[in-house]
Protein backbone atom coordinates (compact mmCIF):
# COMPACT_ATOMS: atom_id res chain seq x y z
CA UNK A 1 40.52 15.48 30.44
CA UNK A 2 40.29 17.77 27.60
CA UNK A 3 42.90 20.56 27.62
CA UNK A 4 41.09 24.10 27.61
CA UNK A 5 43.66 25.21 25.02
CA UNK A 6 42.60 22.62 22.66
CA UNK A 7 39.54 23.42 20.19
CA UNK A 8 36.60 21.16 20.44
CA UNK A 9 36.60 18.95 17.41
CA UNK A 10 33.46 18.68 15.77
CA UNK A 11 32.11 15.46 14.85
CA UNK A 12 32.23 14.90 10.86
CA UNK A 13 28.77 15.02 9.40
CA UNK A 14 27.63 11.61 7.61
CA UNK A 15 27.47 11.79 3.82
CA UNK A 16 24.07 12.02 2.85
CA UNK A 17 22.19 9.42 0.95
CA UNK A 18 21.92 11.81 -2.06
CA UNK A 19 25.67 12.65 -2.07
CA UNK A 20 26.57 8.82 -1.75
CA UNK A 21 24.14 8.00 -4.75
CA UNK A 22 25.53 10.79 -7.10
CA UNK A 23 29.30 9.59 -6.41
CA UNK A 24 28.18 5.78 -7.34
CA UNK A 25 26.19 6.96 -10.08
CA UNK A 26 29.04 9.27 -11.55
CA UNK A 27 31.52 6.11 -10.95
CA UNK A 28 29.12 3.76 -12.78
CA UNK A 29 28.51 6.23 -15.54
CA UNK A 30 32.31 6.98 -15.99
CA UNK A 31 32.75 2.87 -16.14
CA UNK A 32 30.26 2.61 -18.74
CA UNK A 33 31.33 5.12 -20.79
CA UNK A 34 35.06 4.12 -20.70
CA UNK A 35 33.87 0.58 -21.48
CA UNK A 36 31.79 1.72 -24.20
CA UNK A 37 34.44 3.75 -25.81
CA UNK A 38 36.90 0.89 -25.75
CA UNK A 39 34.28 -1.45 -27.22
CA UNK A 40 33.67 1.22 -29.94
CA UNK A 41 37.28 1.69 -30.51
CA UNK A 42 37.85 -2.17 -30.77
CA UNK A 43 34.75 -2.63 -32.93
CA UNK A 44 35.79 0.37 -35.24
CA UNK A 45 39.39 -1.68 -35.73
CA UNK A 46 37.69 -4.75 -36.61
CA UNK A 47 35.34 -3.21 -39.00
CA UNK A 48 38.22 -1.17 -40.62
CA UNK A 49 40.15 -4.54 -41.02
CA UNK A 50 37.24 -6.35 -42.28
CA UNK A 51 36.48 -3.47 -44.84
CA UNK A 52 39.87 -3.69 -45.89
CA UNK A 53 39.73 -7.46 -46.79
CA UNK A 54 36.40 -6.92 -48.52
CA UNK A 55 37.94 -4.16 -50.56
CA UNK A 56 41.15 -6.21 -51.20
CA UNK A 57 39.18 -9.04 -52.30
CA UNK A 58 37.05 -7.03 -54.90
CA UNK A 59 40.13 -5.58 -56.27
CA UNK A 60 41.74 -9.02 -56.60
CA UNK A 61 38.68 -10.47 -58.32
CA UNK A 62 38.54 -7.41 -60.82
CA UNK A 63 42.02 -7.70 -61.85
CA UNK A 64 41.83 -11.51 -62.08
CA UNK A 65 38.88 -10.93 -64.62
CA UNK A 66 40.39 -8.22 -66.50
CA UNK A 67 41.09 -9.17 -70.17
CA UNK A 68 44.04 -6.93 -70.22
CA UNK A 69 45.74 -8.68 -67.25
CA UNK A 70 44.79 -12.18 -68.49
CA UNK A 71 46.42 -11.47 -71.90
CA UNK A 72 49.69 -9.65 -70.59
CA UNK A 73 50.39 -12.45 -67.88
CA UNK A 74 50.58 -14.79 -70.82
CA UNK A 75 52.88 -12.52 -72.99
CA UNK A 76 56.82 -12.27 -73.28
CA UNK A 77 57.02 -8.85 -71.16
CA UNK A 78 54.07 -8.48 -68.74
CA UNK A 79 55.75 -5.86 -66.53
CA UNK A 80 55.84 -3.35 -69.25
CA UNK A 81 52.04 -2.98 -69.39
CA UNK A 82 50.78 -4.35 -66.18
CA UNK A 83 53.15 -2.30 -64.06
CA UNK A 84 51.74 1.19 -64.96
CA UNK A 85 48.17 -0.04 -65.34
CA UNK A 86 48.17 -1.83 -61.92
CA UNK A 87 49.97 1.09 -60.15
CA UNK A 88 47.17 3.53 -61.44
CA UNK A 89 44.47 1.02 -59.91
CA UNK A 90 46.21 1.06 -56.54
CA UNK A 91 46.48 4.83 -56.31
CA UNK A 92 42.63 5.29 -57.38
CA UNK A 93 41.56 2.51 -54.77
CA UNK A 94 43.91 3.51 -51.82
CA UNK A 95 45.33 0.03 -51.63
CA UNK A 96 48.85 -0.01 -50.08
CA UNK A 97 50.03 -2.54 -52.59
CA UNK A 98 48.85 -4.66 -55.64
CA UNK A 99 51.24 -7.28 -57.03
CA UNK A 100 50.73 -9.58 -60.08
CA UNK A 101 53.27 -12.43 -59.99
CA UNK A 102 53.76 -15.96 -61.80
CA UNK A 103 52.79 -19.06 -60.12
CA UNK A 104 56.60 -19.58 -59.32
CA UNK A 105 56.08 -16.28 -56.94
CA UNK A 106 58.17 -14.16 -59.51
CA UNK A 107 56.86 -10.51 -59.28
CA UNK A 108 55.44 -8.74 -62.43
CA UNK A 109 54.54 -5.63 -60.53
CA UNK A 110 55.13 -3.84 -57.13
CA UNK A 111 54.92 -0.40 -55.57
CA UNK A 112 58.56 -0.63 -55.22
CA UNK A 113 59.98 -1.18 -58.83
CA UNK A 114 63.25 -2.55 -57.20
CA UNK A 115 61.07 -5.71 -55.93
CA UNK A 116 60.06 -6.76 -59.43
CA UNK A 117 61.58 -9.92 -60.47
CA UNK A 118 61.78 -10.98 -56.73
CA UNK A 119 59.82 -13.63 -55.13
CA UNK A 120 56.51 -12.96 -53.67
CA UNK A 121 56.28 -13.25 -49.85
CA UNK A 122 53.26 -14.76 -48.57
CA UNK A 123 50.90 -17.88 -48.82
CA UNK A 124 49.77 -18.69 -52.17
CA UNK A 125 48.78 -22.47 -51.82
CA UNK A 126 44.96 -21.79 -52.01
CA UNK A 127 45.30 -19.32 -54.79
CA UNK A 128 47.18 -21.95 -56.71
CA UNK A 129 44.29 -24.22 -56.10
CA UNK A 130 41.78 -21.87 -57.85
CA UNK A 131 40.52 -19.91 -54.48
CA UNK A 132 40.67 -16.23 -53.48
CA UNK A 133 41.51 -15.89 -49.85
CA UNK A 134 42.52 -13.27 -47.19
CA UNK A 135 44.98 -13.00 -44.73
CA UNK A 136 47.16 -10.91 -42.35
CA UNK A 137 50.79 -11.34 -43.43
CA UNK A 138 54.12 -9.42 -42.94
CA UNK A 139 55.84 -8.63 -46.34
CA UNK A 140 58.32 -6.33 -47.80
CA UNK A 141 55.87 -3.30 -46.68
CA UNK A 142 55.30 -4.78 -43.13
CA UNK A 143 52.34 -6.24 -41.58
CA UNK A 144 49.09 -6.01 -44.00
CA UNK A 145 45.61 -7.28 -44.66
CA UNK A 146 45.81 -8.87 -48.24
CA UNK A 147 43.69 -10.95 -50.39
CA UNK A 148 45.20 -13.33 -52.98
CA UNK A 149 43.43 -14.83 -55.99
CA UNK A 150 44.17 -16.82 -59.35
CA UNK A 151 44.23 -15.47 -62.64
CA UNK A 152 43.00 -18.14 -64.94
CA UNK A 153 43.34 -18.52 -68.71
CA UNK A 154 40.37 -19.88 -70.98
CA UNK A 155 41.03 -23.17 -70.22
CA UNK A 156 40.75 -22.54 -66.49
CA UNK A 157 44.37 -23.06 -65.88
CA UNK A 158 46.11 -20.80 -63.16
CA UNK A 159 48.61 -18.84 -65.38
CA UNK A 160 49.36 -16.11 -62.82
CA UNK A 161 48.22 -14.82 -59.19
CA UNK A 162 47.38 -11.30 -58.04
CA UNK A 163 47.39 -10.13 -54.44
CA UNK A 164 46.10 -6.63 -52.97
CA UNK A 165 46.41 -5.38 -49.64
CA UNK A 166 46.42 -2.59 -47.05
CA UNK A 167 49.24 -2.13 -44.50
CA UNK A 168 48.11 -2.13 -40.82
CA UNK A 169 49.74 1.19 -40.43
CA UNK A 170 47.46 2.63 -42.96
CA UNK A 171 44.46 1.04 -41.34
CA UNK A 172 45.65 2.42 -37.89
CA UNK A 173 46.05 5.96 -39.41
CA UNK A 174 42.43 5.78 -40.90
CA UNK A 175 41.27 4.50 -37.49
CA UNK A 176 43.15 7.27 -35.67
CA UNK A 177 41.34 9.87 -37.82
CA UNK A 178 38.08 8.46 -36.58
CA UNK A 179 39.21 8.14 -32.81
CA UNK A 180 38.62 12.03 -32.08
CA UNK A 181 34.78 11.37 -32.99
CA UNK A 182 34.58 8.22 -30.69
CA UNK A 183 36.23 10.30 -27.75
CA UNK A 184 33.88 13.05 -28.29
CA UNK A 185 30.77 10.89 -28.13
CA UNK A 186 32.18 9.27 -24.87
CA UNK A 187 32.81 12.75 -23.54
CA UNK A 188 29.17 13.76 -24.34
CA UNK A 189 27.76 10.69 -22.99
CA UNK A 190 29.88 10.93 -19.73
CA UNK A 191 28.49 14.61 -19.43
CA UNK A 192 24.82 13.82 -19.85
CA UNK A 193 25.04 10.84 -17.62
CA UNK A 194 26.95 13.23 -15.08
CA UNK A 195 24.00 15.81 -15.30
CA UNK A 196 21.26 13.21 -15.22
CA UNK A 197 22.87 11.71 -11.93
CA UNK A 198 23.28 15.38 -10.35
CA UNK A 199 19.54 16.25 -11.27
CA UNK A 200 18.53 12.53 -9.68
CA UNK A 201 20.77 13.57 -6.50
CA UNK A 202 19.37 16.75 -6.20
CA UNK A 203 15.74 15.38 -6.12
CA UNK A 204 16.67 12.85 -3.61
CA UNK A 205 18.34 15.10 -1.57
CA UNK A 206 15.06 16.96 -1.19
CA UNK A 207 12.99 14.09 -0.61
CA UNK A 208 15.32 12.72 2.06
CA UNK A 209 16.02 16.13 3.80
CA UNK A 210 19.81 15.60 3.16
CA UNK A 211 19.90 12.45 5.67
CA UNK A 212 22.31 9.75 5.30
CA UNK A 213 21.88 6.03 4.82
CA UNK A 214 22.50 5.04 8.52
CA UNK A 215 19.96 7.97 9.74
CA UNK A 216 17.28 6.65 7.54
CA UNK A 217 17.92 3.20 8.60
CA UNK A 218 17.86 4.19 12.15
CA UNK A 219 14.53 6.07 11.72
CA UNK A 220 13.11 3.05 9.77
CA UNK A 221 13.96 0.81 12.95
CA UNK A 222 12.47 3.46 15.33
CA UNK A 223 9.51 3.71 13.01
CA UNK A 224 8.90 -0.07 13.09
CA UNK A 225 9.30 -0.21 16.80
CA UNK A 226 6.67 2.59 17.42
CA UNK A 227 3.99 1.39 14.94
CA UNK A 228 3.80 -1.85 16.62
CA UNK A 229 4.34 -0.70 20.29
CA UNK A 230 1.71 1.91 20.34
CA UNK A 231 -1.50 0.74 21.91
CA UNK A 232 -3.81 3.07 19.85
CA UNK A 233 -4.84 2.15 16.22
CA UNK A 234 -2.85 4.17 13.74
CA UNK A 235 -4.15 4.51 10.13
CA UNK A 236 -2.45 6.86 7.57
CA UNK A 237 -4.52 7.48 4.32
CA UNK A 238 -2.96 9.60 1.13
CA UNK A 239 -4.95 12.01 -0.88
CA UNK A 240 -6.31 9.55 -3.01
CA UNK A 241 -8.13 7.83 -0.23
CA UNK A 242 -5.65 4.90 -0.24
CA UNK A 243 -4.14 3.23 3.04
CA UNK A 244 -0.51 3.89 3.19
CA UNK A 245 0.09 2.61 6.74
CA UNK A 246 -1.65 0.68 9.39
CA UNK A 247 -0.54 -0.86 12.64
CA UNK A 248 -1.51 -4.13 14.36
CA UNK A 249 -3.87 -2.39 16.69
CA UNK A 250 -5.82 -0.63 13.82
CA UNK A 251 -6.10 -3.84 11.93
CA UNK A 252 -7.34 -5.49 15.09
CA UNK A 253 -10.16 -2.77 15.94
CA UNK A 254 -11.31 -2.47 12.15
CA UNK A 255 -11.11 -6.50 11.77
CA UNK A 256 -8.92 -6.16 8.63
CA UNK A 257 -7.83 -9.66 7.98
CA UNK A 258 -5.67 -8.85 4.69
CA UNK A 259 -2.96 -6.21 4.30
CA UNK A 260 -5.03 -3.00 3.51
CA UNK A 261 -1.73 -1.10 2.20
CA UNK A 262 -2.68 0.39 -1.25
CA UNK A 263 -6.23 -0.31 -0.93
CA UNK A 264 -9.13 2.42 -1.15
CA UNK A 265 -10.99 3.00 2.18
CA UNK A 266 -14.16 2.23 0.42
CA UNK A 267 -12.70 -1.34 0.00
CA UNK A 268 -12.10 -2.07 3.56
CA UNK A 269 -15.88 -3.04 4.47
CA UNK A 270 -16.03 -0.32 7.31
CA UNK A 271 -19.21 1.42 8.50
CA UNK A 272 -20.80 3.73 6.09
CA UNK A 273 -20.25 6.53 8.33
CA UNK A 274 -16.78 5.98 9.14
CA UNK A 275 -15.82 5.47 5.57
CA UNK A 276 -17.47 8.72 4.68
CA UNK A 277 -15.24 10.55 7.45
CA UNK A 278 -11.88 9.04 5.96
CA UNK A 279 -12.99 9.99 2.51
CA UNK A 280 -13.80 13.39 3.63
CA UNK A 281 -10.23 13.90 5.22
CA UNK A 282 -11.57 16.79 7.43
CA UNK A 283 -10.28 17.21 11.04
CA UNK A 284 -12.05 15.35 13.57
CA UNK A 285 -11.97 15.27 17.38
CA UNK A 286 -13.30 12.29 19.41
CA UNK A 287 -15.75 11.38 17.24
CA UNK A 288 -17.70 8.13 18.35
CA UNK A 289 -18.16 5.25 15.73
CA UNK A 290 -19.60 1.96 15.75
CA UNK A 291 -17.52 -0.24 13.27
CA UNK A 292 -16.99 -3.94 13.15
CA UNK A 293 -18.69 -4.64 16.32
CA UNK A 294 -16.49 -2.05 18.41
CA UNK A 295 -17.24 1.43 19.84
CA UNK A 296 -14.28 3.35 18.42
CA UNK A 297 -13.47 7.07 19.44
CA UNK A 298 -11.61 8.59 16.18
CA UNK A 299 -9.43 11.35 15.55
CA UNK A 300 -8.44 12.52 12.30
CA UNK A 301 -5.66 15.06 11.33
CA UNK A 302 -4.92 16.36 7.78
CA UNK A 303 -1.16 15.94 7.08
CA UNK A 304 0.68 18.32 4.87
CA UNK A 305 3.85 17.84 2.96
CA UNK A 306 5.71 20.66 1.40
CA UNK A 307 2.70 22.86 2.02
CA UNK A 308 0.16 20.59 0.03
CA UNK A 309 -2.22 18.04 1.46
CA UNK A 310 -0.70 14.77 1.79
CA UNK A 311 -3.82 12.72 3.18
CA UNK A 312 -5.16 12.13 6.83
CA UNK A 313 -3.66 10.47 10.01
CA UNK A 314 -6.31 8.59 11.88
CA UNK A 315 -6.07 7.30 15.29
CA UNK A 316 -8.42 4.90 16.85
CA UNK A 317 -9.19 4.04 20.56
CA UNK A 318 -11.37 1.10 21.53
CA UNK A 319 -14.19 2.14 23.93
CA UNK A 320 -16.11 -1.06 23.59
CA UNK A 321 -15.54 -2.17 27.13
CA UNK A 322 -15.77 1.30 28.71
CA UNK A 323 -19.08 1.94 26.72
CA UNK A 324 -20.47 -1.27 28.17
CA UNK A 325 -19.24 -0.22 31.70
CA UNK A 326 -20.82 3.16 31.27
CA UNK A 327 -24.22 1.45 30.30
CA UNK A 328 -24.06 -0.64 33.52
CA UNK A 329 -22.95 2.48 35.57
CA UNK A 330 -25.94 4.42 33.95
CA UNK A 331 -28.31 1.43 34.90
CA UNK A 332 -26.81 1.38 38.53
CA UNK A 333 -27.09 5.23 38.69
CA UNK A 334 -30.63 5.25 37.43
CA UNK A 335 -31.32 2.52 40.12
CA UNK A 336 -29.90 4.42 42.80
CA UNK A 337 -32.16 7.41 41.69
CA UNK A 338 -35.17 5.35 41.77
CA UNK A 339 -34.01 4.02 45.27
CA UNK A 340 -33.83 7.64 46.22
CA UNK A 341 -36.96 8.49 44.78
CA UNK A 342 -38.71 5.44 46.36
CA UNK A 343 -37.09 6.38 49.89
CA UNK A 344 -38.38 9.99 49.56
CA UNK A 345 -41.86 8.62 48.79
CA UNK A 346 -41.52 6.32 51.90
CA UNK A 347 -40.70 9.23 53.95
CA UNK A 348 -43.74 10.82 52.89
CA UNK A 349 -45.86 7.84 53.36
CA UNK A 350 -44.14 7.23 56.95
CA UNK A 351 -45.01 10.94 58.04
CA UNK A 352 -48.71 10.24 56.45
CA UNK A 353 -48.90 6.87 58.36
CA UNK A 354 -47.76 8.86 61.45
CA UNK A 355 -50.10 11.59 61.08
CA UNK A 356 -52.88 9.01 60.90
CA UNK A 357 -51.85 7.28 64.31
CA UNK A 358 -51.60 10.37 65.91
CA UNK A 359 -55.30 11.50 64.74
CA UNK A 360 -56.33 8.02 66.16
CA UNK A 361 -57.19 6.37 62.83
CA UNK A 362 -54.99 3.35 63.30
CA UNK A 363 -56.90 1.21 60.70
CA UNK A 364 -56.61 3.87 58.14
CA UNK A 365 -52.88 4.07 58.84
CA UNK A 366 -52.38 0.38 58.58
CA UNK A 367 -54.24 0.22 55.08
CA UNK A 368 -52.36 3.14 53.80
CA UNK A 369 -48.82 1.77 54.84
CA UNK A 370 -49.36 -1.49 53.46
CA UNK A 371 -51.06 -0.70 50.08
CA UNK A 372 -47.92 0.90 48.50
CA UNK A 373 -45.71 -1.91 50.00
CA UNK A 374 -47.70 -4.64 48.73
CA UNK A 375 -47.78 -3.37 45.07
CA UNK A 376 -44.18 -2.91 45.18
CA UNK A 377 -43.24 -6.33 46.96
CA UNK A 378 -45.53 -7.97 44.19
CA UNK A 379 -43.44 -6.49 41.48
CA UNK A 380 -40.06 -7.56 42.92
CA UNK A 381 -41.29 -10.85 43.78
CA UNK A 382 -42.56 -11.35 40.26
CA UNK A 383 -39.34 -10.05 38.63
CA UNK A 384 -37.17 -12.41 41.16
CA UNK A 385 -39.20 -15.35 40.45
CA UNK A 386 -39.36 -14.82 36.54
CA UNK A 387 -35.59 -13.65 36.14
CA UNK A 388 -32.91 -15.75 37.62
CA UNK A 389 -30.26 -13.46 36.11
CA UNK A 390 -29.71 -11.01 38.94
CA UNK A 391 -28.15 -8.17 37.09
CA UNK A 392 -31.14 -8.31 34.69
CA UNK A 393 -33.65 -8.57 37.51
CA UNK A 394 -31.91 -5.65 39.28
CA UNK A 395 -32.10 -3.71 35.82
CA UNK A 396 -35.75 -4.22 35.41
CA UNK A 397 -36.46 -3.20 38.82
CA UNK A 398 -34.38 0.06 38.57
CA UNK A 399 -36.04 0.59 34.88
CA UNK A 400 -39.63 0.38 36.34
CA UNK A 401 -38.96 2.61 39.03
CA UNK A 402 -37.49 5.16 36.59
CA UNK A 403 -40.35 4.71 34.31
CA UNK A 404 -42.82 5.15 37.22
CA UNK A 405 -40.97 8.33 38.21
CA UNK A 406 -41.30 9.66 34.83
CA UNK A 407 -44.82 9.00 34.48
CA UNK A 408 -44.40 5.86 32.48
CA UNK A 409 -45.93 2.45 33.47
CA UNK A 410 -43.44 -0.33 32.83
CA UNK A 411 -45.15 -3.47 32.22
CA UNK A 412 -43.55 -6.94 32.56
CA UNK A 413 -45.35 -9.57 31.03
CA UNK A 414 -46.67 -12.60 33.08
CA UNK A 415 -44.90 -15.08 30.77
CA UNK A 416 -41.63 -13.59 31.22
CA UNK A 417 -39.32 -16.37 32.43
CA UNK A 418 -35.48 -16.35 32.02
CA UNK A 419 -33.16 -18.78 33.67
CA UNK A 420 -29.64 -18.73 33.47
CA UNK A 421 -28.69 -18.29 29.80
CA UNK A 422 -24.69 -17.91 29.91
CA UNK A 423 -24.89 -14.52 28.09
CA UNK A 424 -22.49 -11.94 29.65
CA UNK A 425 -24.22 -9.73 31.95
CA UNK A 426 -22.64 -6.84 30.73
CA UNK A 427 -24.18 -7.58 27.00
CA UNK A 428 -27.67 -8.09 28.60
CA UNK A 429 -27.29 -4.52 30.29
CA UNK A 430 -26.55 -3.08 27.15
CA UNK A 431 -29.27 -4.63 25.21
CA UNK A 432 -32.03 -4.66 27.64
CA UNK A 433 -31.12 -1.27 29.17
CA UNK A 434 -30.78 0.63 25.87
CA UNK A 435 -34.11 -0.86 24.53
CA UNK A 436 -36.04 0.17 27.81
CA UNK A 437 -34.47 3.73 27.90
CA UNK A 438 -35.23 4.02 24.28
CA UNK A 439 -39.12 2.78 24.76
CA UNK A 440 -39.38 5.01 28.02
CA UNK A 441 -38.18 8.25 25.88
CA UNK A 442 -40.51 7.08 22.84
CA UNK A 443 -43.83 6.41 25.41
CA UNK A 444 -43.10 10.04 26.74
CA UNK A 445 -43.38 11.38 23.39
CA UNK A 446 -46.88 9.58 22.96
CA UNK A 447 -50.40 10.47 24.32
CA UNK A 448 -51.26 9.08 27.67
CA UNK A 449 -51.65 6.24 29.00
CA UNK A 450 -47.81 5.86 28.53
CA UNK A 451 -46.73 2.39 28.82
CA UNK A 452 -43.77 0.08 27.93
CA UNK A 453 -44.19 -3.50 27.59
CA UNK A 454 -41.51 -6.00 28.36
CA UNK A 455 -41.34 -9.51 27.84
CA UNK A 456 -38.49 -12.36 27.64
CA UNK A 457 -38.58 -16.03 27.62
CA UNK A 458 -36.28 -18.94 26.55
CA UNK A 459 -37.57 -20.88 23.47
CA UNK A 460 -35.48 -24.01 23.12
CA UNK A 461 -31.88 -22.57 22.71
CA UNK A 462 -32.51 -19.13 22.12
CA UNK A 463 -33.43 -16.05 24.47
CA UNK A 464 -36.21 -14.05 22.85
CA UNK A 465 -36.66 -10.42 24.22
CA UNK A 466 -39.56 -8.15 23.18
CA UNK A 467 -39.97 -4.49 24.06
CA UNK A 468 -42.66 -2.42 22.96
CA UNK A 469 -44.08 0.97 23.82
CA UNK A 470 -47.11 3.24 23.20
CA UNK A 471 -45.09 6.20 21.54
CA UNK A 472 -45.63 7.63 18.05
CA UNK A 473 -43.60 4.59 16.45
CA UNK A 474 -41.58 4.64 13.44
CA UNK A 475 -42.44 4.64 9.67
CA UNK A 476 -41.12 2.18 7.19
CA UNK A 477 -38.43 4.66 5.94
CA UNK A 478 -37.09 5.19 9.25
CA UNK A 479 -36.83 1.45 10.11
CA UNK A 480 -33.59 0.77 7.98
CA UNK A 481 -31.82 3.82 9.65
CA UNK A 482 -32.88 3.28 13.40
CA UNK A 483 -29.55 1.22 14.25
CA UNK A 484 -27.00 3.94 12.75
CA UNK A 485 -24.68 5.83 14.77
CA UNK A 486 -26.04 9.29 15.54
CA UNK A 487 -29.51 8.63 14.06
CA UNK A 488 -32.38 9.57 16.58
CA UNK A 489 -36.10 10.64 16.21
CA UNK A 490 -35.41 13.80 18.34
CA UNK A 491 -36.44 17.11 16.61
CA UNK A 492 -33.93 18.66 14.39
CA UNK A 493 -32.78 21.12 17.05
CA UNK A 494 -31.69 17.96 19.10
CA UNK A 495 -29.99 16.15 16.32
CA UNK A 496 -26.73 14.85 17.73
CA UNK A 497 -23.38 16.14 16.59
CA UNK A 498 -21.02 13.35 15.03
CA UNK A 499 -19.09 13.17 18.18
CA UNK A 500 -21.94 12.95 20.81
CA UNK A 501 -23.25 10.24 22.49
CA UNK A 502 -26.95 10.65 21.56
CA UNK A 503 -28.10 8.13 18.95
CA UNK A 504 -25.56 5.68 20.22
CA UNK A 505 -27.85 3.46 22.11
CA UNK A 506 -29.65 1.40 19.35
CA UNK A 507 -26.44 1.09 17.62
CA UNK A 508 -24.86 -0.51 20.57
CA UNK A 509 -27.79 -2.58 20.86
CA UNK A 510 -27.23 -3.67 17.29
CA UNK A 511 -23.34 -4.37 18.01
CA UNK A 512 -23.79 -6.19 21.29
CA UNK A 513 -26.64 -8.50 19.47
CA UNK A 514 -24.23 -9.15 16.54
CA UNK A 515 -21.24 -9.75 18.60
CA UNK A 516 -23.20 -12.74 20.61
CA UNK A 517 -24.71 -14.41 17.28
CA UNK A 518 -28.31 -12.86 17.52
CA UNK A 519 -30.66 -10.81 15.45
CA UNK A 520 -32.92 -7.83 16.07
CA UNK A 521 -35.92 -6.89 14.18
CA UNK A 522 -38.22 -3.66 14.35
CA UNK A 523 -41.92 -3.27 13.80
CA UNK A 524 -42.69 0.11 12.47
CA UNK A 525 -46.23 1.94 13.11
CA UNK A 526 -47.83 3.38 16.20
CA UNK A 527 -46.07 1.78 19.03
CA UNK A 528 -42.72 0.55 17.88
CA UNK A 529 -41.60 -2.94 18.74
CA UNK A 530 -38.05 -4.46 18.83
CA UNK A 531 -37.41 -7.99 19.19
CA UNK A 532 -34.16 -9.60 20.00
CA UNK A 533 -33.21 -13.05 19.50
CA UNK A 534 -30.06 -14.38 21.19
CA UNK A 535 -28.43 -18.02 21.30
CA UNK A 536 -28.32 -19.43 24.86
CA UNK A 537 -24.93 -20.58 25.85
CA UNK A 538 -24.23 -23.50 28.01
CA UNK A 539 -22.47 -23.69 31.35
CA UNK A 540 -19.16 -25.10 29.30
CA UNK A 541 -19.40 -22.11 26.57
CA UNK A 542 -20.04 -19.43 29.27
CA UNK A 543 -17.13 -20.67 31.60
CA UNK A 544 -14.11 -18.49 31.78
């Protein structure tokens, strides 16, 4: 247990990534500058030595071809003339020494007069062979870079030799004078590199919020885990309308096969209205969109970074199955309402029948009671006999009662005959239910008599469905838009908002038809006709 007298030790704050980068860059810049400075010094040293060799060689060649030198080395007293002449040349050229000597190494000239007459120290064999050469050799003045060459007479014979050189100490002194410039250049480079590293570190510190590498790595691990674990589709689009992030669920909901990162939203082949929404980058709450064969609830929130727009964050929820269940629920509810209305009418007929019996008119009571019952029973028998799909049969009976209650006659074609198709019942409810609801609404907008015609049959391996109404119909211009989400023929005041459920029924029909490999066509003109063709599934294909 910690003593109360001991202060609480604060956990050291981890070094930020920007600071680590600054230190590493500073170290790298220092190493580079030191290496470059050393390389520059070595290069300067080599250059100085090479220049000394070139200069010495040039002086040797000039003296070897000088007529004065050639004449004097053949005379009886060459030192008297050559010593002052050669020394003047040495002082003018900055050489450490210039020595003219006989083939037997006897010196004629030397910067130190006491060395005249003594033997030359160094290599002379190449010069005796008639070739000028250079070497580094330690003579009476110390180590030097020298050039030695022959002096030839008119017959081409070697009559004397000449050697000129610069001591290494003199070369070092010249190099030392250039060293401050090298060091200054290195320090300037180091200062510029350090300033650049500091600026980069400052910018990186702002971008990483001063976080260290372990924290960033941990955040990236969490980010990856959350991205793949969340059950909603997540899509991040930048200000240029390009996808920057997408999780697995979003790729599944939008049917994206290839990696969409970096692609423009217009290249994703989404529905037109969904693409328009993503490009608009406005805040959106629970908008319903049909895309890729799915019903999606979309939320979109603009993202901001440092006060400026950085794109949008989009979440996607799959409502395809919920929408299908909602359609089935609406059908069941409509069927229940129809049964309620029929029960109410049956109650009225029962009271009327009882009253006729009380009045002693039994025959009229029997005829009144059985007339409506026979009509309803005939409809039920015809539907049940013609349609083996129980859900579809119940849907037709319910829609028939609903249409009757609303003042529309739903006529089922006598040729209707649908055996087991293997098509999921939920898909049939979505297709037929929405087509009939749309047709009943259209018939109510037309003049009496208001009718809806329904027919369904199996032709070879395809289920054909036809729904026709007596309403005002569709124009040629309206036909291409009839299956768009949110489109409706209602008045302008009744037009749906982007997130409403109105204008979604026919879009769901088109989606369900495409999902089952079918096709749907529309006939324009007074009394619109919708024709759906679906492939019939075998028992094996329809089995779970």
